[in-house]
Amino acid sequence: MQSLQQGQQGLRQDVQALQVGQQGLRQDVQALQEGQRRIETRMENEVIEKLSALFDGFNLRGNQIDNLKKHLDDRFDDIVQDLNYKHKGDGSFVLTK
């Protein structure tokens, strides 16, 4: 009878240890969830905002390059016309008189 009671006592202690371990795991999971929320919030507030700014800057720079190319093409056409050259269509020019 005594060994049965000792076995039950041992089981109680094991169950109690498992419950303590389970509580520790719950706390760890809760801490991980809080960390995840902080990371998600930081991404929303910082990273996404910075990526958006970079994308906007990239688009702006592309528009500036397109505008500069158009301006240079227009100026080049004016210079060619002033020098009486005619564009042949294959990338070369012929002097007209």
Protein backbone atom coordinates (compact mmCIF):
# COMPACT_ATOMS: atom_id res chain seq x y z
CA MET A 1 0.00 0.00 0.00
CA GLN A 2 2.82 2.31 0.86
CA SER A 3 4.51 1.82 -2.53
CA LEU A 4 1.20 2.60 -4.25
CA GLN A 5 0.97 5.87 -2.32
CA GLN A 6 4.59 6.65 -3.19
CA GLY A 7 3.83 5.97 -6.85
CA GLN A 8 0.81 8.28 -6.71
CA GLN A 9 2.91 10.94 -5.01
CA GLY A 10 5.54 10.59 -7.75
CA LEU A 11 2.86 10.94 -10.41
CA ARG A 12 1.49 14.05 -8.70
CA GLN A 13 4.96 15.57 -8.69
CA ASP A 14 5.44 14.70 -12.38
CA VAL A 15 2.05 16.22 -13.26
CA GLN A 16 2.91 19.33 -11.27
CA ALA A 17 6.26 19.62 -13.06
CA LEU A 18 4.49 19.24 -16.42
CA GLN A 19 2.01 21.95 -15.47
CA VAL A 20 4.86 24.29 -14.53
CA GLY A 21 6.60 23.51 -17.81
CA GLN A 22 3.38 24.08 -19.72
CA GLN A 23 2.94 27.46 -18.05
CA GLY A 24 6.48 28.37 -19.08
CA LEU A 25 5.69 27.38 -22.66
CA ARG A 26 2.56 29.56 -22.60
CA GLN A 27 4.65 32.51 -21.44
CA ASP A 28 7.21 31.85 -24.17
CA VAL A 29 4.51 31.69 -26.84
CA GLN A 30 2.98 34.92 -25.53
CA ALA A 31 6.39 36.64 -25.66
CA LEU A 32 6.90 35.41 -29.23
CA GLN A 33 3.48 36.72 -30.25
CA GLU A 34 4.27 40.13 -28.74
CA GLY A 35 7.58 40.19 -30.59
CA GLN A 36 5.84 39.30 -33.81
CA ARG A 37 3.33 42.13 -33.30
CA ARG A 38 6.18 44.59 -32.73
CA ILE A 39 7.93 43.43 -35.91
CA GLU A 40 4.71 43.67 -37.92
CA THR A 41 4.04 47.16 -36.59
CA ARG A 42 7.60 48.24 -37.37
CA MET A 43 7.29 46.88 -40.88
CA GLU A 44 4.03 48.74 -41.39
CA ASN A 45 5.40 51.99 -39.98
CA GLU A 46 8.98 52.00 -41.24
CA VAL A 47 9.83 49.46 -43.90
CA ILE A 48 6.72 49.80 -46.06
CA GLU A 49 6.93 53.60 -45.84
CA LYS A 50 10.59 53.55 -46.89
CA LEU A 51 9.93 51.15 -49.75
CA SER A 52 7.13 53.38 -50.94
CA ALA A 53 9.45 56.40 -50.85
CA LEU A 54 12.10 54.50 -52.81
CA PHE A 55 9.54 53.44 -55.40
CA ASP A 56 8.28 57.02 -55.74
CA GLY A 57 11.87 58.26 -56.15
CA PHE A 58 12.55 55.60 -58.78
CA ASN A 59 9.45 56.64 -60.74
CA LEU A 60 10.35 60.32 -60.45
CA ARG A 61 13.89 59.66 -61.68
CA GLY A 62 12.51 57.66 -64.60
CA ASN A 63 10.19 60.53 -65.53
CA GLN A 64 13.09 63.00 -65.32
CA ILE A 65 15.19 60.81 -67.60
CA ASP A 66 12.32 60.53 -70.10
CA ASN A 67 11.84 64.32 -70.07
CA LEU A 68 15.57 64.90 -70.52
CA LYS A 69 15.69 62.42 -73.41
CA LYS A 70 12.78 64.17 -75.12
CA HIS A 71 14.43 67.55 -74.61
CA LEU A 72 17.75 66.32 -76.00
CA ASP A 73 16.02 64.68 -78.98
CA ASP A 74 14.22 67.95 -79.72
CA ARG A 75 17.46 69.93 -79.45
CA PHE A 76 19.30 67.41 -81.62
CA ASP A 77 16.56 67.68 -84.27
CA ASP A 78 16.90 71.48 -84.18
CA ILE A 79 20.68 71.25 -84.59
CA VAL A 80 20.37 68.79 -87.49
CA GLN A 81 17.82 71.04 -89.14
CA ASP A 82 20.04 74.11 -88.63
CA LEU A 83 22.96 72.32 -90.26
CA ASN A 84 20.81 71.20 -93.22
CA TYR A 85 21.21 67.52 -92.55
CA LYS A 86 18.46 65.08 -93.25
CA HIS A 87 17.85 61.91 -91.29
CA LYS A 88 17.97 58.84 -93.54
CA GLY A 89 15.98 56.63 -91.19
CA ASP A 90 18.79 54.18 -90.51
CA GLY A 91 20.42 56.30 -87.83
CA SER A 92 22.63 58.23 -90.26
CA PHE A 93 22.28 61.73 -91.72
CA VAL A 94 22.83 63.16 -95.20
CA LEU A 95 23.83 66.76 -95.95
CA THR A 96 21.13 68.51 -98.02
CA LYS A 97 21.77 71.61 -100.11
